[in-house]
Amino acid sequence: WGGVNPHDKVIMQENSSVKHLSGDLLHYSYYTIRENISQINNFSDIAAQAAYEMGEKANVVLDIALNPIFTFLKKYFLKLGLLDGYYGLVVSINSAYFRFLKYAKLRELNKKGSQEV
């Protein structure tokens, strides 16, 4: 495994190969908005802790105030979430909310010097 939490990834060993399977793989991360918010809360804990362990700091203006706004604009307009109607709006807002929580929790960790959010 590699990557930075919560975005772990598989790292292939040398001399290994990748095979493609036929068919579809359906991956539903959540089924309801409630489940999505719960996942956002959990993943923002993990992301904030990983950032804290890497020595990152959260800037109130750039990270906590502006980053969520830019995340919403990117998801909704640049990534065309607006074409997905209501759920495109919900996902874009929730993506921005994740960014807000991650950096707010990181700031809290830096203030406390703690291992727990």
PDB file of N, CA and C in Angstrom:
ATOM      1  N   TRP A   1       0.838  -1.185   0.000  1.00  0.00           N
ATOM      2  CA  TRP A   1       0.000   0.000   0.000  1.00  0.00           C
ATOM      3  C   TRP A   1       0.876   1.238   0.000  1.00  0.00           C
ATOM      4  N   GLY A   2       0.377   2.284  -0.606  1.00  0.00           N
ATOM      5  CA  GLY A   2       1.071   3.556  -0.625  1.00  0.00           C
ATOM      6  C   GLY A   2       0.065   4.680  -0.618  1.00  0.00           C
ATOM      7  N   GLY A   3       0.507   5.883  -0.909  1.00  0.00           N
ATOM      8  CA  GLY A   3      -0.383   7.036  -0.914  1.00  0.00           C
ATOM      9  C   GLY A   3      -0.498   7.638   0.467  1.00  0.00           C
ATOM     10  N   VAL A   4      -1.311   8.676   0.547  1.00  0.00           N
ATOM     11  CA  VAL A   4      -1.526   9.376   1.813  1.00  0.00           C
ATOM     12  C   VAL A   4      -2.987   9.220   2.201  1.00  0.00           C
ATOM     13  N   ASN A   5      -3.223   8.833   3.443  1.00  0.00           N
ATOM     14  CA  ASN A   5      -4.585   8.674   3.930  1.00  0.00           C
ATOM     15  C   ASN A   5      -5.399   9.924   3.666  1.00  0.00           C
ATOM     16  N   PRO A   6      -6.656   9.844   3.292  1.00  0.00           N
ATOM     17  CA  PRO A   6      -7.460   8.641   3.085  1.00  0.00           C
ATOM     18  C   PRO A   6      -7.409   8.115   1.663  1.00  0.00           C
ATOM     19  N   HIS A   7      -6.393   8.502   0.899  1.00  0.00           N
ATOM     20  CA  HIS A   7      -6.307   8.091  -0.501  1.00  0.00           C
ATOM     21  C   HIS A   7      -5.211   7.054  -0.686  1.00  0.00           C
ATOM     22  N   ASP A   8      -5.324   5.951   0.043  1.00  0.00           N
ATOM     23  CA  ASP A   8      -4.371   4.866  -0.104  1.00  0.00           C
ATOM     24  C   ASP A   8      -4.487   4.284  -1.505  1.00  0.00           C
ATOM     25  N   LYS A   9      -3.420   3.660  -1.954  1.00  0.00           N
ATOM     26  CA  LYS A   9      -3.453   3.041  -3.276  1.00  0.00           C
ATOM     27  C   LYS A   9      -2.590   1.790  -3.263  1.00  0.00           C
ATOM     28  N   VAL A  10      -2.863   0.914  -4.204  1.00  0.00           N
ATOM     29  CA  VAL A  10      -2.090  -0.303  -4.362  1.00  0.00           C
ATOM     30  C   VAL A  10      -0.847   0.031  -5.167  1.00  0.00           C
ATOM     31  N   ILE A  11       0.289  -0.415  -4.697  1.00  0.00           N
ATOM     32  CA  ILE A  11       1.540  -0.260  -5.432  1.00  0.00           C
ATOM     33  C   ILE A  11       1.993  -1.657  -5.832  1.00  0.00           C
ATOM     34  N   MET A  12       2.103  -1.860  -7.113  1.00  0.00           N
ATOM     35  CA  MET A  12       2.457  -3.177  -7.634  1.00  0.00           C
ATOM     36  C   MET A  12       3.924  -3.482  -7.369  1.00  0.00           C
ATOM     37  N   GLN A  13       4.217  -4.757  -7.090  1.00  0.00           N
ATOM     38  CA  GLN A  13       5.591  -5.187  -6.923  1.00  0.00           C
ATOM     39  C   GLN A  13       6.263  -5.287  -8.289  1.00  0.00           C
ATOM     40  N   GLU A  14       7.580  -5.203  -8.298  1.00  0.00           N
ATOM     41  CA  GLU A  14       8.309  -5.342  -9.543  1.00  0.00           C
ATOM     42  C   GLU A  14       7.996  -6.686 -10.173  1.00  0.00           C
ATOM     43  N   ASN A  15       7.964  -6.736 -11.472  1.00  0.00           N
ATOM     44  CA  ASN A  15       7.691  -7.942 -12.255  1.00  0.00           C
ATOM     45  C   ASN A  15       6.259  -8.457 -12.111  1.00  0.00           C
ATOM     46  N   SER A  16       5.370  -7.676 -11.518  1.00  0.00           N
ATOM     47  CA  SER A  16       3.955  -8.078 -11.453  1.00  0.00           C
ATOM     48  C   SER A  16       3.251  -7.506 -12.674  1.00  0.00           C
ATOM     49  N   SER A  17       2.082  -8.041 -12.971  1.00  0.00           N
ATOM     50  CA  SER A  17       1.363  -7.565 -14.147  1.00  0.00           C
ATOM     51  C   SER A  17      -0.070  -7.214 -13.774  1.00  0.00           C
ATOM     52  N   VAL A  18      -0.657  -6.403 -14.618  1.00  0.00           N
ATOM     53  CA  VAL A  18      -2.037  -5.983 -14.431  1.00  0.00           C
ATOM     54  C   VAL A  18      -2.872  -6.647 -15.505  1.00  0.00           C
ATOM     55  N   LYS A  19      -4.000  -7.216 -15.123  1.00  0.00           N
ATOM     56  CA  LYS A  19      -4.919  -7.840 -16.078  1.00  0.00           C
ATOM     57  C   LYS A  19      -6.232  -7.083 -16.034  1.00  0.00           C
ATOM     58  N   HIS A  20      -6.857  -6.926 -17.155  1.00  0.00           N
ATOM     59  CA  HIS A  20      -8.145  -6.260 -17.238  1.00  0.00           C
ATOM     60  C   HIS A  20      -9.246  -7.304 -17.285  1.00  0.00           C
ATOM     61  N   LEU A  21     -10.266  -7.104 -16.487  1.00  0.00           N
ATOM     62  CA  LEU A  21     -11.401  -8.000 -16.446  1.00  0.00           C
ATOM     63  C   LEU A  21     -12.512  -7.458 -17.317  1.00  0.00           C
ATOM     64  N   SER A  22     -13.253  -8.336 -17.926  1.00  0.00           N
ATOM     65  CA  SER A  22     -14.396  -7.868 -18.700  1.00  0.00           C
ATOM     66  C   SER A  22     -15.569  -7.662 -17.745  1.00  0.00           C
ATOM     67  N   GLY A  23     -16.476  -6.799 -18.130  1.00  0.00           N
ATOM     68  CA  GLY A  23     -17.641  -6.530 -17.294  1.00  0.00           C
ATOM     69  C   GLY A  23     -17.512  -5.215 -16.569  1.00  0.00           C
ATOM     70  N   ASP A  24     -18.505  -4.922 -15.773  1.00  0.00           N
ATOM     71  CA  ASP A  24     -18.555  -3.671 -15.035  1.00  0.00           C
ATOM     72  C   ASP A  24     -18.302  -3.926 -13.554  1.00  0.00           C
ATOM     73  N   LEU A  25     -17.632  -2.998 -12.913  1.00  0.00           N
ATOM     74  CA  LEU A  25     -17.441  -3.024 -11.478  1.00  0.00           C
ATOM     75  C   LEU A  25     -18.212  -1.833 -10.918  1.00  0.00           C
ATOM     76  N   LEU A  26     -19.260  -2.110 -10.189  1.00  0.00           N
ATOM     77  CA  LEU A  26     -20.070  -1.050  -9.608  1.00  0.00           C
ATOM     78  C   LEU A  26     -19.575  -0.779  -8.194  1.00  0.00           C
ATOM     79  N   HIS A  27     -19.204   0.453  -7.941  1.00  0.00           N
ATOM     80  CA  HIS A  27     -18.666   0.832  -6.627  1.00  0.00           C
ATOM     81  C   HIS A  27     -19.500   1.994  -6.091  1.00  0.00           C
ATOM     82  N   TYR A  28     -20.284   1.709  -5.092  1.00  0.00           N
ATOM     83  CA  TYR A  28     -21.099   2.739  -4.466  1.00  0.00           C
ATOM     84  C   TYR A  28     -20.505   3.033  -3.092  1.00  0.00           C
ATOM     85  N   SER A  29     -19.958   4.222  -2.937  1.00  0.00           N
ATOM     86  CA  SER A  29     -19.340   4.593  -1.658  1.00  0.00           C
ATOM     87  C   SER A  29     -20.380   4.828  -0.576  1.00  0.00           C
ATOM     88  N   TYR A  30     -21.550   5.251  -0.983  1.00  0.00           N
ATOM     89  CA  TYR A  30     -22.637   5.523  -0.044  1.00  0.00           C
ATOM     90  C   TYR A  30     -23.942   5.511  -0.819  1.00  0.00           C
ATOM     91  N   TYR A  31     -25.032   5.313  -0.096  1.00  0.00           N
ATOM     92  CA  TYR A  31     -26.349   5.244  -0.725  1.00  0.00           C
ATOM     93  C   TYR A  31     -27.247   6.423  -0.361  1.00  0.00           C
ATOM     94  N   THR A  32     -26.914   7.123   0.717  1.00  0.00           N
ATOM     95  CA  THR A  32     -27.742   8.244   1.154  1.00  0.00           C
ATOM     96  C   THR A  32     -26.852   9.444   1.475  1.00  0.00           C
ATOM     97  N   ILE A  33     -27.453  10.590   1.541  1.00  0.00           N
ATOM     98  CA  ILE A  33     -26.714  11.793   1.931  1.00  0.00           C
ATOM     99  C   ILE A  33     -26.198  11.641   3.361  1.00  0.00           C
ATOM    100  N   ARG A  34     -26.985  11.029   4.219  1.00  0.00           N
ATOM    101  CA  ARG A  34     -26.553  10.790   5.605  1.00  0.00           C
ATOM    102  C   ARG A  34     -25.262   9.960   5.631  1.00  0.00           C
ATOM    103  N   GLU A  35     -25.208   8.916   4.822  1.00  0.00           N
ATOM    104  CA  GLU A  35     -24.001   8.084   4.754  1.00  0.00           C
ATOM    105  C   GLU A  35     -22.825   8.887   4.209  1.00  0.00           C
ATOM    106  N   ASN A  36     -23.075   9.748   3.221  1.00  0.00           N
ATOM    107  CA  ASN A  36     -22.020  10.575   2.651  1.00  0.00           C
ATOM    108  C   ASN A  36     -21.453  11.526   3.699  1.00  0.00           C
ATOM    109  N   ILE A  37     -22.315  12.162   4.475  1.00  0.00           N
ATOM    110  CA  ILE A  37     -21.860  13.089   5.523  1.00  0.00           C
ATOM    111  C   ILE A  37     -21.049  12.335   6.582  1.00  0.00           C
ATOM    112  N   SER A  38     -21.494  11.141   6.939  1.00  0.00           N
ATOM    113  CA  SER A  38     -20.755  10.328   7.908  1.00  0.00           C
ATOM    114  C   SER A  38     -19.367   9.978   7.365  1.00  0.00           C
ATOM    115  N   GLN A  39     -19.315   9.612   6.089  1.00  0.00           N
ATOM    116  CA  GLN A  39     -18.045   9.291   5.452  1.00  0.00           C
ATOM    117  C   GLN A  39     -17.142  10.528   5.391  1.00  0.00           C
ATOM    118  N   ILE A  40     -17.704  11.666   5.074  1.00  0.00           N
ATOM    119  CA  ILE A  40     -16.941  12.919   5.050  1.00  0.00           C
ATOM    120  C   ILE A  40     -16.346  13.199   6.425  1.00  0.00           C
ATOM    121  N   ASN A  41     -17.120  13.006   7.469  1.00  0.00           N
ATOM    122  CA  ASN A  41     -16.622  13.236   8.822  1.00  0.00           C
ATOM    123  C   ASN A  41     -15.464  12.291   9.145  1.00  0.00           C
ATOM    124  N   ASN A  42     -15.618  11.014   8.814  1.00  0.00           N
ATOM    125  CA  ASN A  42     -14.553  10.046   9.083  1.00  0.00           C
ATOM    126  C   ASN A  42     -13.307  10.329   8.248  1.00  0.00           C
ATOM    127  N   PHE A  43     -13.484  10.557   6.949  1.00  0.00           N
ATOM    128  CA  PHE A  43     -12.339  10.789   6.079  1.00  0.00           C
ATOM    129  C   PHE A  43     -11.637  12.106   6.391  1.00  0.00           C
ATOM    130  N   SER A  44     -12.370  13.106   6.838  1.00  0.00           N
ATOM    131  CA  SER A  44     -11.715  14.367   7.200  1.00  0.00           C
ATOM    132  C   SER A  44     -10.867  14.197   8.453  1.00  0.00           C
ATOM    133  N   ASP A  45     -11.294  13.319   9.371  1.00  0.00           N
ATOM    134  CA  ASP A  45     -10.450  12.973  10.528  1.00  0.00           C
ATOM    135  C   ASP A  45      -9.127  12.377  10.056  1.00  0.00           C
ATOM    136  N   ILE A  46      -9.230  11.402   9.150  1.00  0.00           N
ATOM    137  CA  ILE A  46      -8.052  10.700   8.643  1.00  0.00           C
ATOM    138  C   ILE A  46      -7.141  11.665   7.890  1.00  0.00           C
ATOM    139  N   ALA A  47      -7.725  12.483   7.015  1.00  0.00           N
ATOM    140  CA  ALA A  47      -6.937  13.423   6.214  1.00  0.00           C
ATOM    141  C   ALA A  47      -6.260  14.476   7.093  1.00  0.00           C
ATOM    142  N   ALA A  48      -6.961  14.978   8.089  1.00  0.00           N
ATOM    143  CA  ALA A  48      -6.384  15.972   8.996  1.00  0.00           C
ATOM    144  C   ALA A  48      -5.233  15.363   9.792  1.00  0.00           C
ATOM    145  N   GLN A  49      -5.408  14.142  10.274  1.00  0.00           N
ATOM    146  CA  GLN A  49      -4.364  13.467  11.038  1.00  0.00           C
ATOM    147  C   GLN A  49      -3.135  13.229  10.164  1.00  0.00           C
ATOM    148  N   ALA A  50      -3.337  12.786   8.922  1.00  0.00           N
ATOM    149  CA  ALA A  50      -2.217  12.559   8.005  1.00  0.00           C
ATOM    150  C   ALA A  50      -1.485  13.865   7.718  1.00  0.00           C
ATOM    151  N   ALA A  51      -2.224  14.948   7.495  1.00  0.00           N
ATOM    152  CA  ALA A  51      -1.604  16.254   7.246  1.00  0.00           C
ATOM    153  C   ALA A  51      -0.830  16.724   8.472  1.00  0.00           C
ATOM    154  N   TYR A  52      -1.404  16.515   9.643  1.00  0.00           N
ATOM    155  CA  TYR A  52      -0.749  16.889  10.902  1.00  0.00           C
ATOM    156  C   TYR A  52       0.578  16.142  11.055  1.00  0.00           C
ATOM    157  N   GLU A  53       0.556  14.844  10.772  1.00  0.00           N
ATOM    158  CA  GLU A  53       1.761  14.030  10.899  1.00  0.00           C
ATOM    159  C   GLU A  53       2.834  14.427   9.895  1.00  0.00           C
ATOM    160  N   MET A  54       2.425  15.045   8.778  1.00  0.00           N
ATOM    161  CA  MET A  54       3.388  15.535   7.788  1.00  0.00           C
ATOM    162  C   MET A  54       3.819  16.969   8.091  1.00  0.00           C
ATOM    163  N   GLY A  55       3.336  17.523   9.211  1.00  0.00           N
ATOM    164  CA  GLY A  55       3.749  18.854   9.628  1.00  0.00           C
ATOM    165  C   GLY A  55       3.031  19.998   8.938  1.00  0.00           C
ATOM    166  N   GLU A  56       1.910  19.714   8.291  1.00  0.00           N
ATOM    167  CA  GLU A  56       1.166  20.777   7.613  1.00  0.00           C
ATOM    168  C   GLU A  56       0.452  21.668   8.623  1.00  0.00           C
ATOM    169  N   LYS A  57       0.204  22.881   8.210  1.00  0.00           N
ATOM    170  CA  LYS A  57      -0.561  23.854   8.991  1.00  0.00           C
ATOM    171  C   LYS A  57      -1.769  24.284   8.173  1.00  0.00           C
ATOM    172  N   ALA A  58      -2.809  24.740   8.843  1.00  0.00           N
ATOM    173  CA  ALA A  58      -4.012  25.213   8.155  1.00  0.00           C
ATOM    174  C   ALA A  58      -4.092  26.723   8.265  1.00  0.00           C
ATOM    175  N   ASN A  59      -4.118  27.392   7.130  1.00  0.00           N
ATOM    176  CA  ASN A  59      -4.276  28.832   7.084  1.00  0.00           C
ATOM    177  C   ASN A  59      -5.771  29.154   7.124  1.00  0.00           C
ATOM    178  N   VAL A  60      -6.177  30.009   8.047  1.00  0.00           N
ATOM    179  CA  VAL A  60      -7.600  30.303   8.232  1.00  0.00           C
ATOM    180  C   VAL A  60      -8.233  30.846   6.952  1.00  0.00           C
ATOM    181  N   VAL A  61      -7.592  31.796   6.317  1.00  0.00           N
ATOM    182  CA  VAL A  61      -8.185  32.415   5.127  1.00  0.00           C
ATOM    183  C   VAL A  61      -8.075  31.488   3.917  1.00  0.00           C
ATOM    184  N   LEU A  62      -6.862  31.040   3.588  1.00  0.00           N
ATOM    185  CA  LEU A  62      -6.663  30.246   2.375  1.00  0.00           C
ATOM    186  C   LEU A  62      -7.297  28.857   2.453  1.00  0.00           C
ATOM    187  N   ASP A  63      -7.023  28.137   3.529  1.00  0.00           N
ATOM    188  CA  ASP A  63      -7.471  26.746   3.623  1.00  0.00           C
ATOM    189  C   ASP A  63      -8.892  26.588   4.152  1.00  0.00           C
ATOM    190  N   ILE A  64      -9.226  27.306   5.209  1.00  0.00           N
ATOM    191  CA  ILE A  64     -10.529  27.106   5.848  1.00  0.00           C
ATOM    192  C   ILE A  64     -11.633  27.908   5.166  1.00  0.00           C
ATOM    193  N   ALA A  65     -11.341  29.109   4.719  1.00  0.00           N
ATOM    194  CA  ALA A  65     -12.385  29.943   4.096  1.00  0.00           C
ATOM    195  C   ALA A  65     -12.426  29.792   2.573  1.00  0.00           C
ATOM    196  N   LEU A  66     -11.279  29.915   1.904  1.00  0.00           N
ATOM    197  CA  LEU A  66     -11.283  29.956   0.442  1.00  0.00           C
ATOM    198  C   LEU A  66     -11.213  28.590  -0.236  1.00  0.00           C
ATOM    199  N   ASN A  67     -10.457  27.655   0.334  1.00  0.00           N
ATOM    200  CA  ASN A  67     -10.329  26.338  -0.299  1.00  0.00           C
ATOM    201  C   ASN A  67     -11.685  25.670  -0.518  1.00  0.00           C
ATOM    202  N   PRO A  68     -12.592  25.672   0.465  1.00  0.00           N
ATOM    203  CA  PRO A  68     -13.911  25.073   0.219  1.00  0.00           C
ATOM    204  C   PRO A  68     -14.686  25.767  -0.913  1.00  0.00           C
ATOM    205  N   ILE A  69     -14.575  27.071  -1.006  1.00  0.00           N
ATOM    206  CA  ILE A  69     -15.269  27.798  -2.074  1.00  0.00           C
ATOM    207  C   ILE A  69     -14.719  27.384  -3.435  1.00  0.00           C
ATOM    208  N   PHE A  70     -13.397  27.344  -3.551  1.00  0.00           N
ATOM    209  CA  PHE A  70     -12.786  26.951  -4.814  1.00  0.00           C
ATOM    210  C   PHE A  70     -13.080  25.489  -5.140  1.00  0.00           C
ATOM    211  N   THR A  71     -13.143  24.644  -4.116  1.00  0.00           N
ATOM    212  CA  THR A  71     -13.495  23.233  -4.337  1.00  0.00           C
ATOM    213  C   THR A  71     -14.898  23.127  -4.902  1.00  0.00           C
ATOM    214  N   PHE A  72     -15.850  23.881  -4.332  1.00  0.00           N
ATOM    215  CA  PHE A  72     -17.212  23.857  -4.860  1.00  0.00           C
ATOM    216  C   PHE A  72     -17.237  24.317  -6.312  1.00  0.00           C
ATOM    217  N   LEU A  73     -16.591  25.435  -6.600  1.00  0.00           N
ATOM    218  CA  LEU A  73     -16.587  25.974  -7.960  1.00  0.00           C
ATOM    219  C   LEU A  73     -15.974  24.987  -8.949  1.00  0.00           C
ATOM    220  N   LYS A  74     -14.896  24.340  -8.546  1.00  0.00           N
ATOM    221  CA  LYS A  74     -14.239  23.355  -9.409  1.00  0.00           C
ATOM    222  C   LYS A  74     -15.167  22.174  -9.682  1.00  0.00           C
ATOM    223  N   LYS A  75     -15.753  21.598  -8.618  1.00  0.00           N
ATOM    224  CA  LYS A  75     -16.617  20.419  -8.780  1.00  0.00           C
ATOM    225  C   LYS A  75     -17.894  20.746  -9.549  1.00  0.00           C
ATOM    226  N   TYR A  76     -18.493  21.875  -9.240  1.00  0.00           N
ATOM    227  CA  TYR A  76     -19.793  22.186  -9.819  1.00  0.00           C
ATOM    228  C   TYR A  76     -19.689  22.718 -11.249  1.00  0.00           C
ATOM    229  N   PHE A  77     -18.705  23.574 -11.499  1.00  0.00           N
ATOM    230  CA  PHE A  77     -18.605  24.185 -12.822  1.00  0.00           C
ATOM    231  C   PHE A  77     -17.557  23.512 -13.707  1.00  0.00           C
ATOM    232  N   LEU A  78     -16.308  23.421 -13.246  1.00  0.00           N
ATOM    233  CA  LEU A  78     -15.252  22.857 -14.090  1.00  0.00           C
ATOM    234  C   LEU A  78     -15.428  21.362 -14.336  1.00  0.00           C
ATOM    235  N   LYS A  79     -15.832  20.630 -13.298  1.00  0.00           N
ATOM    236  CA  LYS A  79     -16.056  19.186 -13.442  1.00  0.00           C
ATOM    237  C   LYS A  79     -17.481  18.865 -13.874  1.00  0.00           C
ATOM    238  N   LEU A  80     -18.252  19.904 -14.145  1.00  0.00           N
ATOM    239  CA  LEU A  80     -19.612  19.811 -14.699  1.00  0.00           C
ATOM    240  C   LEU A  80     -20.617  19.090 -13.797  1.00  0.00           C
ATOM    241  N   GLY A  81     -20.458  19.248 -12.493  1.00  0.00           N
ATOM    242  CA  GLY A  81     -21.450  18.716 -11.563  1.00  0.00           C
ATOM    243  C   GLY A  81     -22.828  19.304 -11.804  1.00  0.00           C
ATOM    244  N   LEU A  82     -22.861  20.495 -12.365  1.00  0.00           N
ATOM    245  CA  LEU A  82     -24.146  21.138 -12.640  1.00  0.00           C
ATOM    246  C   LEU A  82     -24.988  20.332 -13.633  1.00  0.00           C
ATOM    247  N   LEU A  83     -24.347  19.506 -14.444  1.00  0.00           N
ATOM    248  CA  LEU A  83     -25.088  18.668 -15.395  1.00  0.00           C
ATOM    249  C   LEU A  83     -25.768  17.482 -14.713  1.00  0.00           C
ATOM    250  N   ASP A  84     -25.395  17.230 -13.467  1.00  0.00           N
ATOM    251  CA  ASP A  84     -25.988  16.111 -12.721  1.00  0.00           C
ATOM    252  C   ASP A  84     -27.159  16.557 -11.853  1.00  0.00           C
ATOM    253  N   GLY A  85     -27.631  17.770 -12.060  1.00  0.00           N
ATOM    254  CA  GLY A  85     -28.815  18.253 -11.350  1.00  0.00           C
ATOM    255  C   GLY A  85     -28.610  18.362  -9.851  1.00  0.00           C
ATOM    256  N   TYR A  86     -29.643  17.967  -9.132  1.00  0.00           N
ATOM    257  CA  TYR A  86     -29.655  18.067  -7.669  1.00  0.00           C
ATOM    258  C   TYR A  86     -28.456  17.362  -7.042  1.00  0.00           C
ATOM    259  N   TYR A  87     -28.182  16.115  -7.470  1.00  0.00           N
ATOM    260  CA  TYR A  87     -27.093  15.361  -6.845  1.00  0.00           C
ATOM    261  C   TYR A  87     -25.718  15.929  -7.196  1.00  0.00           C
ATOM    262  N   GLY A  88     -25.586  16.542  -8.355  1.00  0.00           N
ATOM    263  CA  GLY A  88     -24.346  17.231  -8.680  1.00  0.00           C
ATOM    264  C   GLY A  88     -24.095  18.389  -7.738  1.00  0.00           C
ATOM    265  N   LEU A  89     -25.172  19.101  -7.386  1.00  0.00           N
ATOM    266  CA  LEU A  89     -25.072  20.195  -6.422  1.00  0.00           C
ATOM    267  C   LEU A  89     -24.712  19.660  -5.035  1.00  0.00           C
ATOM    268  N   VAL A  90     -25.390  18.597  -4.618  1.00  0.00           N
ATOM    269  CA  VAL A  90     -25.135  18.013  -3.292  1.00  0.00           C
ATOM    270  C   VAL A  90     -23.692  17.522  -3.185  1.00  0.00           C
ATOM    271  N   VAL A  91     -23.217  16.805  -4.198  1.00  0.00           N
ATOM    272  CA  VAL A  91     -21.849  16.285  -4.173  1.00  0.00           C
ATOM    273  C   VAL A  91     -20.839  17.431  -4.164  1.00  0.00           C
ATOM    274  N   SER A  92     -21.088  18.477  -4.920  1.00  0.00           N
ATOM    275  CA  SER A  92     -20.179  19.631  -4.959  1.00  0.00           C
ATOM    276  C   SER A  92     -20.121  20.333  -3.601  1.00  0.00           C
ATOM    277  N   ILE A  93     -21.268  20.518  -2.983  1.00  0.00           N
ATOM    278  CA  ILE A  93     -21.311  21.133  -1.653  1.00  0.00           C
ATOM    279  C   ILE A  93     -20.623  20.241  -0.627  1.00  0.00           C
ATOM    280  N   ASN A  94     -20.885  18.945  -0.691  1.00  0.00           N
ATOM    281  CA  ASN A  94     -20.262  18.025   0.262  1.00  0.00           C
ATOM    282  C   ASN A  94     -18.752  17.938   0.073  1.00  0.00           C
ATOM    283  N   SER A  95     -18.287  18.060  -1.162  1.00  0.00           N
ATOM    284  CA  SER A  95     -16.841  18.085  -1.414  1.00  0.00           C
ATOM    285  C   SER A  95     -16.211  19.315  -0.767  1.00  0.00           C
ATOM    286  N   ALA A  96     -16.888  20.435  -0.881  1.00  0.00           N
ATOM    287  CA  ALA A  96     -16.412  21.664  -0.243  1.00  0.00           C
ATOM    288  C   ALA A  96     -16.434  21.523   1.280  1.00  0.00           C
ATOM    289  N   TYR A  97     -17.481  20.881   1.794  1.00  0.00           N
ATOM    290  CA  TYR A  97     -17.605  20.649   3.239  1.00  0.00           C
ATOM    291  C   TYR A  97     -16.458  19.778   3.744  1.00  0.00           C
ATOM    292  N   PHE A  98     -16.077  18.765   2.957  1.00  0.00           N
ATOM    293  CA  PHE A  98     -14.938  17.920   3.327  1.00  0.00           C
ATOM    294  C   PHE A  98     -13.680  18.769   3.484  1.00  0.00           C
ATOM    295  N   ARG A  99     -13.416  19.652   2.518  1.00  0.00           N
ATOM    296  CA  ARG A  99     -12.234  20.515   2.577  1.00  0.00           C
ATOM    297  C   ARG A  99     -12.262  21.397   3.822  1.00  0.00           C
ATOM    298  N   PHE A 100     -13.429  21.969   4.092  1.00  0.00           N
ATOM    299  CA  PHE A 100     -13.569  22.804   5.282  1.00  0.00           C
ATOM    300  C   PHE A 100     -13.242  22.004   6.541  1.00  0.00           C
ATOM    301  N   LEU A 101     -13.864  20.822   6.686  1.00  0.00           N
ATOM    302  CA  LEU A 101     -13.638  20.010   7.883  1.00  0.00           C
ATOM    303  C   LEU A 101     -12.185  19.571   8.023  1.00  0.00           C
ATOM    304  N   LYS A 102     -11.581  19.152   6.917  1.00  0.00           N
ATOM    305  CA  LYS A 102     -10.191  18.704   6.971  1.00  0.00           C
ATOM    306  C   LYS A 102      -9.298  19.789   7.556  1.00  0.00           C
ATOM    307  N   TYR A 103      -9.415  20.996   7.024  1.00  0.00           N
ATOM    308  CA  TYR A 103      -8.519  22.055   7.478  1.00  0.00           C
ATOM    309  C   TYR A 103      -8.908  22.614   8.843  1.00  0.00           C
ATOM    310  N   ALA A 104     -10.179  22.631   9.168  1.00  0.00           N
ATOM    311  CA  ALA A 104     -10.596  23.055  10.511  1.00  0.00           C
ATOM    312  C   ALA A 104     -10.071  22.057  11.554  1.00  0.00           C
ATOM    313  N   LYS A 105     -10.159  20.773  11.230  1.00  0.00           N
ATOM    314  CA  LYS A 105      -9.650  19.744  12.150  1.00  0.00           C
ATOM    315  C   LYS A 105      -8.129  19.782  12.234  1.00  0.00           C
ATOM    316  N   LEU A 106      -7.463  20.063  11.112  1.00  0.00           N
ATOM    317  CA  LEU A 106      -6.006  20.198  11.130  1.00  0.00           C
ATOM    318  C   LEU A 106      -5.602  21.364  12.014  1.00  0.00           C
ATOM    319  N   ARG A 107      -6.306  22.466  11.908  1.00  0.00           N
ATOM    320  CA  ARG A 107      -6.009  23.624  12.763  1.00  0.00           C
ATOM    321  C   ARG A 107      -6.192  23.261  14.230  1.00  0.00           C
ATOM    322  N   GLU A 108      -7.249  22.525  14.513  1.00  0.00           N
ATOM    323  CA  GLU A 108      -7.501  22.087  15.891  1.00  0.00           C
ATOM    324  C   GLU A 108      -6.372  21.187  16.383  1.00  0.00           C
ATOM    325  N   LEU A 109      -5.922  20.259  15.537  1.00  0.00           N
ATOM    326  CA  LEU A 109      -4.809  19.387  15.916  1.00  0.00           C
ATOM    327  C   LEU A 109      -3.543  20.196  16.187  1.00  0.00           C
ATOM    328  N   ASN A 110      -3.267  21.178  15.340  1.00  0.00           N
ATOM    329  CA  ASN A 110      -2.076  21.999  15.540  1.00  0.00           C
ATOM    330  C   ASN A 110      -2.173  22.829  16.815  1.00  0.00           C
ATOM    331  N   LYS A 111      -3.369  23.290  17.137  1.00  0.00           N
ATOM    332  CA  LYS A 111      -3.560  24.067  18.374  1.00  0.00           C
ATOM    333  C   LYS A 111      -3.360  23.184  19.605  1.00  0.00           C
ATOM    334  N   LYS A 112      -3.926  21.966  19.552  1.00  0.00           N
ATOM    335  CA  LYS A 112      -3.868  21.042  20.694  1.00  0.00           C
ATOM    336  C   LYS A 112      -2.559  20.286  20.767  1.00  0.00           C
ATOM    337  N   GLY A 113      -1.938  20.048  19.597  1.00  0.00           N
ATOM    338  CA  GLY A 113      -0.768  19.179  19.571  1.00  0.00           C
ATOM    339  C   GLY A 113      -1.145  17.768  19.928  1.00  0.00           C
ATOM    340  N   SER A 114      -2.362  17.391  19.565  1.00  0.00           N
ATOM    341  CA  SER A 114      -2.950  16.111  19.973  1.00  0.00           C
ATOM    342  C   SER A 114      -2.902  15.098  18.845  1.00  0.00           C
ATOM    343  N   GLN A 115      -3.219  13.870  19.163  1.00  0.00           N
ATOM    344  CA  GLN A 115      -3.347  12.808  18.177  1.00  0.00           C
ATOM    345  C   GLN A 115      -4.790  12.548  17.822  1.00  0.00           C
ATOM    346  N   GLU A 116      -5.717  13.217  18.453  1.00  0.00           N
ATOM    347  CA  GLU A 116      -7.136  12.989  18.209  1.00  0.00           C
ATOM    348  C   GLU A 116      -7.825  14.291  17.829  1.00  0.00           C
ATOM    349  N   VAL A 117      -8.735  14.199  16.869  1.00  0.00           N
ATOM    350  CA  VAL A 117      -9.535  15.367  16.484  1.00  0.00           C
ATOM    351  C   VAL A 117     -10.762  15.406  17.359  1.00  0.00           C
TER     352      VAL A 117
END
